[in-house]
C-alpha atoms as a PDB file:
ATOM      1  CA  UNK A   1      -0.039   0.070  -0.031  1.00  0.00           C
ATOM      2  CA  UNK A   2       1.270   3.507  -0.881  1.00  0.00           C
ATOM      3  CA  UNK A   3       1.227   6.096   1.683  1.00  0.00           C
ATOM      4  CA  UNK A   4       1.113   9.810   0.745  1.00  0.00           C
ATOM      5  CA  UNK A   5       0.744  13.011   2.605  1.00  0.00           C
ATOM      6  CA  UNK A   6      -1.598  16.042   2.573  1.00  0.00           C
ATOM      7  CA  UNK A   7      -0.360  19.248   4.415  1.00  0.00           C
ATOM      8  CA  UNK A   8      -2.665  22.200   4.937  1.00  0.00           C
ATOM      9  CA  UNK A   9      -0.072  24.742   6.152  1.00  0.00           C
ATOM     10  CA  UNK A  10      -1.835  25.273   9.535  1.00  0.00           C
ATOM     11  CA  UNK A  11      -1.301  28.182  11.780  1.00  0.00           C
ATOM     12  CA  UNK A  12      -0.277  27.640  15.478  1.00  0.00           C
ATOM     13  CA  UNK A  13      -0.665  29.955  18.394  1.00  0.00           C
ATOM     14  CA  UNK A  14       2.543  31.682  19.489  1.00  0.00           C
ATOM     15  CA  UNK A  15       4.111  31.385  15.953  1.00  0.00           C
ATOM     16  CA  UNK A  16       3.906  33.708  12.898  1.00  0.00           C
ATOM     17  CA  UNK A  17       1.483  32.535  10.225  1.00  0.00           C
ATOM     18  CA  UNK A  18       4.087  32.594   7.510  1.00  0.00           C
ATOM     19  CA  UNK A  19       6.143  30.053   9.229  1.00  0.00           C
ATOM     20  CA  UNK A  20       3.487  27.538   8.310  1.00  0.00           C
ATOM     21  CA  UNK A  21       4.261  27.794   4.710  1.00  0.00           C
ATOM     22  CA  UNK A  22       7.963  27.193   5.342  1.00  0.00           C
ATOM     23  CA  UNK A  23       6.938  24.265   7.634  1.00  0.00           C
ATOM     24  CA  UNK A  24       5.152  22.678   4.705  1.00  0.00           C
ATOM     25  CA  UNK A  25       8.044  22.933   2.411  1.00  0.00           C
ATOM     26  CA  UNK A  26      10.380  21.354   5.056  1.00  0.00           C
ATOM     27  CA  UNK A  27       7.794  18.640   5.605  1.00  0.00           C
ATOM     28  CA  UNK A  28       7.756  17.766   1.862  1.00  0.00           C
ATOM     29  CA  UNK A  29      11.544  17.304   1.995  1.00  0.00           C
ATOM     30  CA  UNK A  30      11.077  14.900   4.902  1.00  0.00           C
ATOM     31  CA  UNK A  31       8.340  12.968   3.176  1.00  0.00           C
ATOM     32  CA  UNK A  32      10.514  12.720   0.067  1.00  0.00           C
ATOM     33  CA  UNK A  33      13.409  11.269   2.267  1.00  0.00           C
ATOM     34  CA  UNK A  34      10.983   8.933   4.008  1.00  0.00           C
ATOM     35  CA  UNK A  35       9.724   7.317   0.867  1.00  0.00           C
ATOM     36  CA  UNK A  36       6.034   8.617   0.794  1.00  0.00           C
ATOM     37  CA  UNK A  37       4.520   8.413  -2.540  1.00  0.00           C
ATOM     38  CA  UNK A  38       2.876  11.901  -2.975  1.00  0.00           C
ATOM     39  CA  UNK A  39       2.820  15.247  -1.135  1.00  0.00           C
ATOM     40  CA  UNK A  40      -0.291  17.238  -1.662  1.00  0.00           C
ATOM     41  CA  UNK A  41      -1.075  20.787  -0.548  1.00  0.00           C
ATOM     42  CA  UNK A  42      -4.562  22.376   0.008  1.00  0.00           C
ATOM     43  CA  UNK A  43      -6.266  25.631  -1.000  1.00  0.00           C
ATOM     44  CA  UNK A  44      -8.147  27.739   1.463  1.00  0.00           C
ATOM     45  CA  UNK A  45      -8.812  31.382   1.688  1.00  0.00           C
ATOM     46  CA  UNK A  46      -9.596  33.899   4.288  1.00  0.00           C
ATOM     47  CA  UNK A  47      -9.108  31.023   6.848  1.00  0.00           C
ATOM     48  CA  UNK A  48      -7.270  31.789  10.127  1.00  0.00           C
ATOM     49  CA  UNK A  49      -6.216  28.156  10.712  1.00  0.00           C
ATOM     50  CA  UNK A  50      -5.440  26.908   7.244  1.00  0.00           C
ATOM     51  CA  UNK A  51      -3.189  29.451   5.615  1.00  0.00           C
ATOM     52  CA  UNK A  52      -2.148  27.732   2.431  1.00  0.00           C
ATOM     53  CA  UNK A  53      -3.871  30.009  -0.168  1.00  0.00           C
ATOM     54  CA  UNK A  54      -1.769  29.247  -3.191  1.00  0.00           C
ATOM     55  CA  UNK A  55      -0.992  25.618  -3.799  1.00  0.00           C
ATOM     56  CA  UNK A  56       0.550  26.175  -7.121  1.00  0.00           C
ATOM     57  CA  UNK A  57       3.174  28.652  -5.617  1.00  0.00           C
ATOM     58  CA  UNK A  58       3.986  26.141  -2.636  1.00  0.00           C
ATOM     59  CA  UNK A  59       4.341  23.410  -5.232  1.00  0.00           C
ATOM     60  CA  UNK A  60       7.024  25.320  -7.150  1.00  0.00           C
ATOM     61  CA  UNK A  61       9.085  25.638  -4.023  1.00  0.00           C
ATOM     62  CA  UNK A  62       8.581  22.050  -3.076  1.00  0.00           C
ATOM     63  CA  UNK A  63       9.526  21.036  -6.656  1.00  0.00           C
ATOM     64  CA  UNK A  64      13.021  22.631  -6.167  1.00  0.00           C
ATOM     65  CA  UNK A  65      13.351  21.235  -2.676  1.00  0.00           C
ATOM     66  CA  UNK A  66      12.557  17.626  -3.596  1.00  0.00           C
ATOM     67  CA  UNK A  67      13.854  14.989  -6.009  1.00  0.00           C
ATOM     68  CA  UNK A  68      11.581  11.887  -6.092  1.00  0.00           C
ATOM     69  CA  UNK A  69       8.108  12.486  -4.631  1.00  0.00           C
ATOM     70  CA  UNK A  70       5.043  13.335  -6.576  1.00  0.00           C
ATOM     71  CA  UNK A  71       3.747  16.901  -5.816  1.00  0.00           C
ATOM     72  CA  UNK A  72       0.170  17.924  -5.984  1.00  0.00           C
ATOM     73  CA  UNK A  73      -2.754  20.169  -5.371  1.00  0.00           C
ATOM     74  CA  UNK A  74      -5.536  18.943  -3.272  1.00  0.00           C
ATOM     75  CA  UNK A  75      -6.740  20.908  -4.685  1.00  0.00           C
ATOM     76  CA  UNK A  76      -7.133  23.800  -7.014  1.00  0.00           C
ATOM     77  CA  UNK A  77     -10.731  25.198  -6.508  1.00  0.00           C
ATOM     78  CA  UNK A  78     -11.378  25.528 -10.236  1.00  0.00           C
ATOM     79  CA  UNK A  79     -14.457  27.743  -9.997  1.00  0.00           C
ATOM     80  CA  UNK A  80     -12.206  30.648  -8.719  1.00  0.00           C
ATOM     81  CA  UNK A  81      -9.970  30.732 -11.878  1.00  0.00           C
ATOM     82  CA  UNK A  82      -9.742  30.703 -15.709  1.00  0.00           C
ATOM     83  CA  UNK A  83      -9.249  27.191 -16.743  1.00  0.00           C
ATOM     84  CA  UNK A  84      -6.637  28.223 -19.387  1.00  0.00           C
ATOM     85  CA  UNK A  85      -4.513  29.986 -16.661  1.00  0.00           C
ATOM     86  CA  UNK A  86      -4.571  26.920 -14.406  1.00  0.00           C
ATOM     87  CA  UNK A  87      -3.374  24.806 -17.356  1.00  0.00           C
ATOM     88  CA  UNK A  88      -0.467  27.041 -17.891  1.00  0.00           C
ATOM     89  CA  UNK A  89       0.446  27.197 -14.243  1.00  0.00           C
ATOM     90  CA  UNK A  90       0.627  23.345 -14.192  1.00  0.00           C
ATOM     91  CA  UNK A  91       2.564  23.199 -17.403  1.00  0.00           C
ATOM     92  CA  UNK A  92       5.187  25.435 -15.756  1.00  0.00           C
ATOM     93  CA  UNK A  93       5.104  23.261 -12.583  1.00  0.00           C
ATOM     94  CA  UNK A  94       5.541  20.237 -14.869  1.00  0.00           C
ATOM     95  CA  UNK A  95       8.712  21.879 -16.310  1.00  0.00           C
ATOM     96  CA  UNK A  96      10.075  22.469 -12.667  1.00  0.00           C
ATOM     97  CA  UNK A  97       9.486  18.858 -11.552  1.00  0.00           C
ATOM     98  CA  UNK A  98       9.063  16.774 -14.751  1.00  0.00           C
ATOM     99  CA  UNK A  99       6.920  13.644 -14.201  1.00  0.00           C
ATOM    100  CA  UNK A 100       5.972  14.517 -10.646  1.00  0.00           C
ATOM    101  CA  UNK A 101       3.116  16.907 -10.891  1.00  0.00           C
ATOM    102  CA  UNK A 102      -0.475  16.008  -9.862  1.00  0.00           C
ATOM    103  CA  UNK A 103      -3.235  18.637 -10.542  1.00  0.00           C
ATOM    104  CA  UNK A 104      -6.106  17.928  -8.044  1.00  0.00           C
ATOM    105  CA  UNK A 105      -9.181  19.908  -8.708  1.00  0.00           C
ATOM    106  CA  UNK A 106     -12.306  20.512  -6.705  1.00  0.00           C
ATOM    107  CA  UNK A 107     -15.583  22.395  -6.992  1.00  0.00           C
ATOM    108  CA  UNK A 108     -15.952  23.539  -3.456  1.00  0.00           C
ATOM    109  CA  UNK A 109     -15.052  27.187  -2.607  1.00  0.00           C
ATOM    110  CA  UNK A 110     -12.562  26.379   0.011  1.00  0.00           C
ATOM    111  CA  UNK A 111     -13.956  29.532   1.657  1.00  0.00           C
ATOM    112  CA  UNK A 112     -17.223  31.370   2.526  1.00  0.00           C
ATOM    113  CA  UNK A 113     -19.450  32.972  -0.135  1.00  0.00           C
ATOM    114  CA  UNK A 114     -18.126  36.523   0.339  1.00  0.00           C
ATOM    115  CA  UNK A 115     -14.592  35.343  -0.143  1.00  0.00           C
ATOM    116  CA  UNK A 116     -15.387  33.288  -3.127  1.00  0.00           C
ATOM    117  CA  UNK A 117     -16.941  36.256  -4.578  1.00  0.00           C
ATOM    118  CA  UNK A 118     -14.020  38.365  -4.055  1.00  0.00           C
ATOM    119  CA  UNK A 119     -11.717  35.736  -5.669  1.00  0.00           C
ATOM    120  CA  UNK A 120     -13.848  35.667  -8.754  1.00  0.00           C
ATOM    121  CA  UNK A 121     -16.666  38.268  -8.995  1.00  0.00           C
ATOM    122  CA  UNK A 122     -17.577  36.979 -12.511  1.00  0.00           C
ATOM    123  CA  UNK A 123     -17.719  33.265 -11.363  1.00  0.00           C
ATOM    124  CA  UNK A 124     -21.106  33.081  -9.842  1.00  0.00           C
ATOM    125  CA  UNK A 125     -22.286  30.537 -12.507  1.00  0.00           C
ATOM    126  CA  UNK A 126     -18.892  28.922 -13.118  1.00  0.00           C
ATOM    127  CA  UNK A 127     -19.863  25.698 -11.087  1.00  0.00           C
ATOM    128  CA  UNK A 128     -22.596  25.049 -13.759  1.00  0.00           C
ATOM    129  CA  UNK A 129     -19.811  24.560 -16.402  1.00  0.00           C
ATOM    130  CA  UNK A 130     -17.504  22.536 -14.031  1.00  0.00           C
ATOM    131  CA  UNK A 131     -17.400  19.341 -15.968  1.00  0.00           C
ATOM    132  CA  UNK A 132     -16.703  20.987 -19.215  1.00  0.00           C
ATOM    133  CA  UNK A 133     -14.047  23.110 -17.684  1.00  0.00           C
ATOM    134  CA  UNK A 134     -12.299  19.953 -16.188  1.00  0.00           C
ATOM    135  CA  UNK A 135     -12.503  18.439 -19.614  1.00  0.00           C
ATOM    136  CA  UNK A 136     -10.727  21.487 -21.096  1.00  0.00           C
ATOM    137  CA  UNK A 137      -8.255  21.486 -18.326  1.00  0.00           C
ATOM    138  CA  UNK A 138      -7.258  17.968 -18.994  1.00  0.00           C
ATOM    139  CA  UNK A 139      -6.739  18.603 -22.762  1.00  0.00           C
ATOM    140  CA  UNK A 140      -4.689  21.740 -22.226  1.00  0.00           C
ATOM    141  CA  UNK A 141      -2.275  20.301 -19.675  1.00  0.00           C
ATOM    142  CA  UNK A 142      -1.962  17.163 -21.761  1.00  0.00           C
ATOM    143  CA  UNK A 143      -1.314  18.873 -24.962  1.00  0.00           C
ATOM    144  CA  UNK A 144      -4.215  17.194 -26.873  1.00  0.00           C
ATOM    145  CA  UNK A 145      -6.889  18.816 -28.954  1.00  0.00           C
ATOM    146  CA  UNK A 146      -9.928  20.288 -27.383  1.00  0.00           C
ATOM    147  CA  UNK A 147     -13.408  19.028 -28.550  1.00  0.00           C
ATOM    148  CA  UNK A 148     -14.418  19.896 -32.049  1.00  0.00           C
ATOM    149  CA  UNK A 149     -15.750  23.390 -32.495  1.00  0.00           C
ATOM    150  CA  UNK A 150     -14.374  24.731 -29.267  1.00  0.00           C
ATOM    151  CA  UNK A 151     -14.042  28.468 -29.250  1.00  0.00           C
ATOM    152  CA  UNK A 152     -10.552  28.265 -27.819  1.00  0.00           C
ATOM    153  CA  UNK A 153      -9.449  25.234 -29.953  1.00  0.00           C
ATOM    154  CA  UNK A 154      -6.317  26.876 -31.397  1.00  0.00           C
ATOM    155  CA  UNK A 155      -4.901  27.768 -27.934  1.00  0.00           C
ATOM    156  CA  UNK A 156      -2.099  25.785 -26.297  1.00  0.00           C
ATOM    157  CA  UNK A 157      -0.726  25.755 -22.635  1.00  0.00           C
ATOM    158  CA  UNK A 158       2.903  26.264 -22.748  1.00  0.00           C
ATOM    159  CA  UNK A 159       5.698  25.128 -22.023  1.00  0.00           C
ATOM    160  CA  UNK A 160       5.461  21.741 -23.823  1.00  0.00           C
ATOM    161  CA  UNK A 161       7.627  18.877 -22.443  1.00  0.00           C
ATOM    162  CA  UNK A 162       7.604  15.054 -22.431  1.00  0.00           C
ATOM    163  CA  UNK A 163       5.396  14.684 -19.391  1.00  0.00           C
ATOM    164  CA  UNK A 164       1.989  15.986 -18.407  1.00  0.00           C
ATOM    165  CA  UNK A 165       0.344  16.467 -14.946  1.00  0.00           C
ATOM    166  CA  UNK A 166      -1.750  13.781 -13.618  1.00  0.00           C
ATOM    167  CA  UNK A 167      -5.384  15.369 -13.148  1.00  0.00           C
ATOM    168  CA  UNK A 168      -7.216  14.065 -10.161  1.00  0.00           C
ATOM    169  CA  UNK A 169     -10.792  14.790  -9.062  1.00  0.00           C
ATOM    170  CA  UNK A 170     -11.374  15.546  -5.394  1.00  0.00           C
ATOM    171  CA  UNK A 171     -14.683  15.322  -3.602  1.00  0.00           C
ATOM    172  CA  UNK A 172     -16.838  14.443  -0.807  1.00  0.00           C
ATOM    173  CA  UNK A 173     -20.037  13.637  -2.648  1.00  0.00           C
ATOM    174  CA  UNK A 174     -21.608  11.675  -5.474  1.00  0.00           C
ATOM    175  CA  UNK A 175     -20.982  14.545  -7.837  1.00  0.00           C
ATOM    176  CA  UNK A 176     -17.208  14.451  -7.977  1.00  0.00           C
ATOM    177  CA  UNK A 177     -17.112  10.664  -8.221  1.00  0.00           C
ATOM    178  CA  UNK A 178     -19.648  10.923 -11.227  1.00  0.00           C
ATOM    179  CA  UNK A 179     -17.510  13.617 -12.865  1.00  0.00           C
ATOM    180  CA  UNK A 180     -14.320  11.622 -12.450  1.00  0.00           C
ATOM    181  CA  UNK A 181     -16.029   8.495 -13.787  1.00  0.00           C
ATOM    182  CA  UNK A 182     -17.333  10.342 -16.908  1.00  0.00           C
ATOM    183  CA  UNK A 183     -13.883  11.926 -17.858  1.00  0.00           C
ATOM    184  CA  UNK A 184     -11.883   8.873 -16.930  1.00  0.00           C
ATOM    185  CA  UNK A 185      -9.966  10.465 -14.174  1.00  0.00           C
ATOM    186  CA  UNK A 186      -8.558   9.289 -10.813  1.00  0.00           C
ATOM    187  CA  UNK A 187     -10.690  10.264  -7.829  1.00  0.00           C
ATOM    188  CA  UNK A 188      -9.732  11.031  -4.202  1.00  0.00           C
ATOM    189  CA  UNK A 189     -12.521  11.069  -1.497  1.00  0.00           C
ATOM    190  CA  UNK A 190     -11.820  13.608   1.405  1.00  0.00           C
ATOM    191  CA  UNK A 191     -12.398  10.969   4.190  1.00  0.00           C
ATOM    192  CA  UNK A 192     -11.186  13.395   6.818  1.00  0.00           C
ATOM    193  CA  UNK A 193     -13.975  15.903   5.955  1.00  0.00           C
ATOM    194  CA  UNK A 194     -16.886  13.530   6.281  1.00  0.00           C
ATOM    195  CA  UNK A 195     -15.278  11.076   8.763  1.00  0.00           C
ATOM    196  CA  UNK A 196     -15.983   8.408   6.139  1.00  0.00           C
ATOM    197  CA  UNK A 197     -19.713   9.257   5.421  1.00  0.00           C
ATOM    198  CA  UNK A 198     -20.419   8.672   1.769  1.00  0.00           C
ATOM    199  CA  UNK A 199     -17.169   7.141   0.752  1.00  0.00           C
ATOM    200  CA  UNK A 200     -18.474   3.594  -0.030  1.00  0.00           C
ATOM    201  CA  UNK A 201     -21.268   4.973  -2.276  1.00  0.00           C
ATOM    202  CA  UNK A 202     -19.002   7.436  -3.955  1.00  0.00           C
ATOM    203  CA  UNK A 203     -16.615   4.762  -4.853  1.00  0.00           C
ATOM    204  CA  UNK A 204     -19.421   2.447  -6.040  1.00  0.00           C
ATOM    205  CA  UNK A 205     -20.694   5.082  -8.414  1.00  0.00           C
ATOM    206  CA  UNK A 206     -17.189   5.909  -9.578  1.00  0.00           C
ATOM    207  CA  UNK A 207     -16.291   2.402 -10.481  1.00  0.00           C
ATOM    208  CA  UNK A 208     -19.761   1.361 -11.973  1.00  0.00           C
ATOM    209  CA  UNK A 209     -19.852   4.317 -14.065  1.00  0.00           C
ATOM    210  CA  UNK A 210     -16.124   4.561 -15.110  1.00  0.00           C
ATOM    211  CA  UNK A 211     -15.324   5.575 -18.811  1.00  0.00           C
ATOM    212  CA  UNK A 212     -11.780   4.509 -19.619  1.00  0.00           C
ATOM    213  CA  UNK A 213      -9.573   7.245 -20.848  1.00  0.00           C
ATOM    214  CA  UNK A 214      -6.358   6.979 -22.782  1.00  0.00           C
ATOM    215  CA  UNK A 215      -4.151   7.701 -19.703  1.00  0.00           C
ATOM    216  CA  UNK A 216      -6.293   5.815 -17.269  1.00  0.00           C
ATOM    217  CA  UNK A 217      -7.930   2.706 -18.722  1.00  0.00           C
ATOM    218  CA  UNK A 218      -8.862   1.616 -15.301  1.00  0.00           C
ATOM    219  CA  UNK A 219     -10.375   3.497 -12.392  1.00  0.00           C
ATOM    220  CA  UNK A 220      -7.800   4.716  -9.756  1.00  0.00           C
ATOM    221  CA  UNK A 221      -9.022   5.883  -6.302  1.00  0.00           C
ATOM    222  CA  UNK A 222      -7.677   6.723  -2.934  1.00  0.00           C
ATOM    223  CA  UNK A 223      -8.787   8.319   0.190  1.00  0.00           C
ATOM    224  CA  UNK A 224      -7.401  11.147   2.458  1.00  0.00           C
ATOM    225  CA  UNK A 225      -7.777  10.591   6.158  1.00  0.00           C
ATOM    226  CA  UNK A 226      -6.720  12.508   9.248  1.00  0.00           C
ATOM    227  CA  UNK A 227      -4.383  10.382  11.382  1.00  0.00           C
ATOM    228  CA  UNK A 228      -1.797  10.967  14.064  1.00  0.00           C
ATOM    229  CA  UNK A 229       1.047   8.632  15.243  1.00  0.00           C
ATOM    230  CA  UNK A 230       3.478   8.971  18.100  1.00  0.00           C
ATOM    231  CA  UNK A 231       5.941   6.973  19.981  1.00  0.00           C
ATOM    232  CA  UNK A 232       3.424   5.967  22.579  1.00  0.00           C
ATOM    233  CA  UNK A 233      -0.361   5.813  22.817  1.00  0.00           C
ATOM    234  CA  UNK A 234      -0.265   8.468  25.631  1.00  0.00           C
ATOM    235  CA  UNK A 235       1.694  10.888  23.575  1.00  0.00           C
ATOM    236  CA  UNK A 236      -0.752  10.524  20.583  1.00  0.00           C
ATOM    237  CA  UNK A 237      -3.679  11.011  22.924  1.00  0.00           C
ATOM    238  CA  UNK A 238      -2.144  14.266  24.336  1.00  0.00           C
ATOM    239  CA  UNK A 239      -1.266  15.521  20.873  1.00  0.00           C
ATOM    240  CA  UNK A 240      -4.738  14.934  19.461  1.00  0.00           C
ATOM    241  CA  UNK A 241      -6.413  17.228  22.080  1.00  0.00           C
ATOM    242  CA  UNK A 242      -5.266  20.189  19.851  1.00  0.00           C
ATOM    243  CA  UNK A 243      -7.256  18.960  16.868  1.00  0.00           C
ATOM    244  CA  UNK A 244     -10.369  17.737  18.954  1.00  0.00           C
ATOM    245  CA  UNK A 245     -10.449  21.128  20.698  1.00  0.00           C
ATOM    246  CA  UNK A 246     -10.259  22.992  17.434  1.00  0.00           C
ATOM    247  CA  UNK A 247     -12.967  21.006  15.889  1.00  0.00           C
ATOM    248  CA  UNK A 248     -15.461  21.580  18.850  1.00  0.00           C
ATOM    249  CA  UNK A 249     -14.528  25.310  18.561  1.00  0.00           C
ATOM    250  CA  UNK A 250     -15.177  25.372  14.938  1.00  0.00           C
ATOM    251  CA  UNK A 251     -18.551  23.788  15.190  1.00  0.00           C
ATOM    252  CA  UNK A 252     -19.517  26.675  17.323  1.00  0.00           C
ATOM    253  CA  UNK A 253     -18.158  29.163  14.728  1.00  0.00           C
ATOM    254  CA  UNK A 254     -14.857  29.870  16.470  1.00  0.00           C
ATOM    255  CA  UNK A 255     -11.993  29.508  13.824  1.00  0.00           C
ATOM    256  CA  UNK A 256      -8.544  30.192  15.192  1.00  0.00           C
ATOM    257  CA  UNK A 257      -4.919  28.828  15.043  1.00  0.00           C
ATOM    258  CA  UNK A 258      -4.168  25.470  16.610  1.00  0.00           C
ATOM    259  CA  UNK A 259      -3.610  25.711  20.299  1.00  0.00           C
ATOM    260  CA  UNK A 260      -0.918  23.586  22.248  1.00  0.00           C
ATOM    261  CA  UNK A 261      -2.076  20.788  24.396  1.00  0.00           C
ATOM    262  CA  UNK A 262      -0.785  22.626  27.485  1.00  0.00           C
ATOM    263  CA  UNK A 263      -2.868  25.747  26.490  1.00  0.00           C
ATOM    264  CA  UNK A 264      -6.151  23.899  26.631  1.00  0.00           C
ATOM    265  CA  UNK A 265      -5.266  21.469  29.458  1.00  0.00           C
ATOM    266  CA  UNK A 266      -7.681  23.394  31.713  1.00  0.00           C
ATOM    267  CA  UNK A 267     -10.297  24.183  29.172  1.00  0.00           C
ATOM    268  CA  UNK A 268     -13.797  24.239  30.400  1.00  0.00           C
ATOM    269  CA  UNK A 269     -16.261  22.142  28.316  1.00  0.00           C
ATOM    270  CA  UNK A 270     -20.144  21.865  28.341  1.00  0.00           C
ATOM    271  CA  UNK A 271     -21.711  18.490  28.637  1.00  0.00           C
ATOM    272  CA  UNK A 272     -22.372  18.695  24.844  1.00  0.00           C
ATOM    273  CA  UNK A 273     -18.773  19.561  24.297  1.00  0.00           C
ATOM    274  CA  UNK A 274     -17.618  16.512  26.177  1.00  0.00           C
ATOM    275  CA  UNK A 275     -20.011  14.243  24.249  1.00  0.00           C
ATOM    276  CA  UNK A 276     -18.602  15.703  20.975  1.00  0.00           C
ATOM    277  CA  UNK A 277     -14.925  15.175  22.182  1.00  0.00           C
ATOM    278  CA  UNK A 278     -15.766  11.569  22.953  1.00  0.00           C
ATOM    279  CA  UNK A 279     -17.227  11.071  19.514  1.00  0.00           C
ATOM    280  CA  UNK A 280     -14.137  12.565  17.903  1.00  0.00           C
ATOM    281  CA  UNK A 281     -11.833  10.320  19.939  1.00  0.00           C
ATOM    282  CA  UNK A 282     -13.879   7.220  18.872  1.00  0.00           C
ATOM    283  CA  UNK A 283     -13.525   7.921  15.191  1.00  0.00           C
ATOM    284  CA  UNK A 284      -9.920   9.088  15.232  1.00  0.00           C
ATOM    285  CA  UNK A 285      -7.168   7.233  13.789  1.00  0.00           C
ATOM    286  CA  UNK A 286      -4.297   7.793  16.509  1.00  0.00           C
ATOM    287  CA  UNK A 287      -1.836   5.711  18.370  1.00  0.00           C
ATOM    288  CA  UNK A 288       1.568   4.316  17.792  1.00  0.00           C
ATOM    289  CA  UNK A 289       3.018   3.887  14.269  1.00  0.00           C
ATOM    290  CA  UNK A 290       2.109   0.180  14.189  1.00  0.00           C
ATOM    291  CA  UNK A 291      -1.514   0.944  15.490  1.00  0.00           C
ATOM    292  CA  UNK A 292      -2.173   3.694  12.957  1.00  0.00           C
ATOM    293  CA  UNK A 293      -0.667   1.657  10.174  1.00  0.00           C
ATOM    294  CA  UNK A 294      -2.864  -1.366  11.109  1.00  0.00           C
ATOM    295  CA  UNK A 295      -6.002   0.924  10.874  1.00  0.00           C
ATOM    296  CA  UNK A 296      -4.939   2.406   7.513  1.00  0.00           C
ATOM    297  CA  UNK A 297      -4.311  -0.836   6.004  1.00  0.00           C
ATOM    298  CA  UNK A 298      -7.772  -2.130   7.096  1.00  0.00           C
ATOM    299  CA  UNK A 299      -9.459   0.932   5.877  1.00  0.00           C
ATOM    300  CA  UNK A 300      -7.593   0.572   2.395  1.00  0.00           C
ATOM    301  CA  UNK A 301      -8.601  -3.175   2.220  1.00  0.00           C
ATOM    302  CA  UNK A 302     -12.259  -2.303   2.994  1.00  0.00           C
ATOM    303  CA  UNK A 303     -12.353   0.299   0.280  1.00  0.00           C
ATOM    304  CA  UNK A 304     -10.540  -1.807  -2.201  1.00  0.00           C
ATOM    305  CA  UNK A 305      -7.642   0.786  -2.754  1.00  0.00           C
ATOM    306  CA  UNK A 306      -4.007   0.768  -2.658  1.00  0.00           C
ATOM    307  CA  UNK A 307      -3.133   4.233  -1.514  1.00  0.00           C
ATOM    308  CA  UNK A 308      -3.990   6.205   1.618  1.00  0.00           C
ATOM    309  CA  UNK A 309      -3.199   9.997   1.865  1.00  0.00           C
ATOM    310  CA  UNK A 310      -2.605  11.107   5.468  1.00  0.00           C
ATOM    311  CA  UNK A 311      -3.287  14.462   6.959  1.00  0.00           C
ATOM    312  CA  UNK A 312      -1.884  15.293  10.371  1.00  0.00           C
ATOM    313  CA  UNK A 313      -2.407  18.393  12.529  1.00  0.00           C
ATOM    314  CA  UNK A 314      -0.267  19.052  15.596  1.00  0.00           C
ATOM    315  CA  UNK A 315       0.646  22.383  17.191  1.00  0.00           C
ATOM    316  CA  UNK A 316       4.360  21.774  16.947  1.00  0.00           C
ATOM    317  CA  UNK A 317       5.973  21.062  13.733  1.00  0.00           C
ATOM    318  CA  UNK A 318       8.338  18.633  15.333  1.00  0.00           C
ATOM    319  CA  UNK A 319       5.447  16.417  16.432  1.00  0.00           C
ATOM    320  CA  UNK A 320       3.863  16.440  13.006  1.00  0.00           C
ATOM    321  CA  UNK A 321       7.209  15.433  11.530  1.00  0.00           C
ATOM    322  CA  UNK A 322       7.681  12.659  14.137  1.00  0.00           C
ATOM    323  CA  UNK A 323       4.165  11.264  13.230  1.00  0.00           C
ATOM    324  CA  UNK A 324       5.224  10.844   9.720  1.00  0.00           C
ATOM    325  CA  UNK A 325       8.450   9.389  10.667  1.00  0.00           C
ATOM    326  CA  UNK A 326       7.069   6.654  12.874  1.00  0.00           C
ATOM    327  CA  UNK A 327       4.314   5.914  10.537  1.00  0.00           C
ATOM    328  CA  UNK A 328       6.866   5.394   7.626  1.00  0.00           C
ATOM    329  CA  UNK A 329       8.872   3.163   9.884  1.00  0.00           C
ATOM    330  CA  UNK A 330       5.822   0.950  10.442  1.00  0.00           C
ATOM    331  CA  UNK A 331       5.210   0.070   6.836  1.00  0.00           C
END
């Protein structure tokens, strides 16, 4: 089973936000050294916790800092942008890291409605054309002709080279699975967003309706899960409190940087909060490297996939690095 990484450039209390970007680049270098298969970065906007706003820029830096690992977006929120410009950006990234670029695309805004409007005031109807725009994006980044009669059929996305980015469809619903199946693209389900709800149905729809493409004659799927490994169970439990506290706060509308376990050790919770914390703990994939690896392997077998993308949040970058180290050592 392949193990891959998603990093969201998370802000932590007591540290400047811009350090999160540099931490992501350093984590990519570590993942490259540890033998992880891919390293993906996310796109969010106007978010006080997740400050990675421009995956294509971070990917360029990672491409220069790594040698082997595949690098990808998870993803580019296509309704914010002109499809042709995204194709050009990823053709440039392919030139920086030949044969290592993944172009993950999504339809969700990655932000609130007002922020989405600020990003693209003319894009309020863009989502209606999402499948066609993905089709055009695949053609431009692959250097193949657009559909006959296309208004921009004569345009090419430069620079050309011997490789082309792999386009992935990302999602948490039936819609993304159906678009991926129709266009013959790999599909990643964001398990960490839904806690696994809907993934089995999405995979079923994807596989049953898959239309083979030239590059991907067979369906390819993976899941991205939140997981945390540490040297001991007790340490994993302690580190998990930062994520659990953040989720309870977010569900009340309070978005903020990640708190250190010591900062929230004496936090006061309502009975409802305590119930929610218990629910989060029951579904969390945490523990020693061996324990987490066993859960990930069982999950992959259950979904019939051979790759899991792991997202880990901790307050301290050293703890996040250690989580990926012990997980890699447990393969």
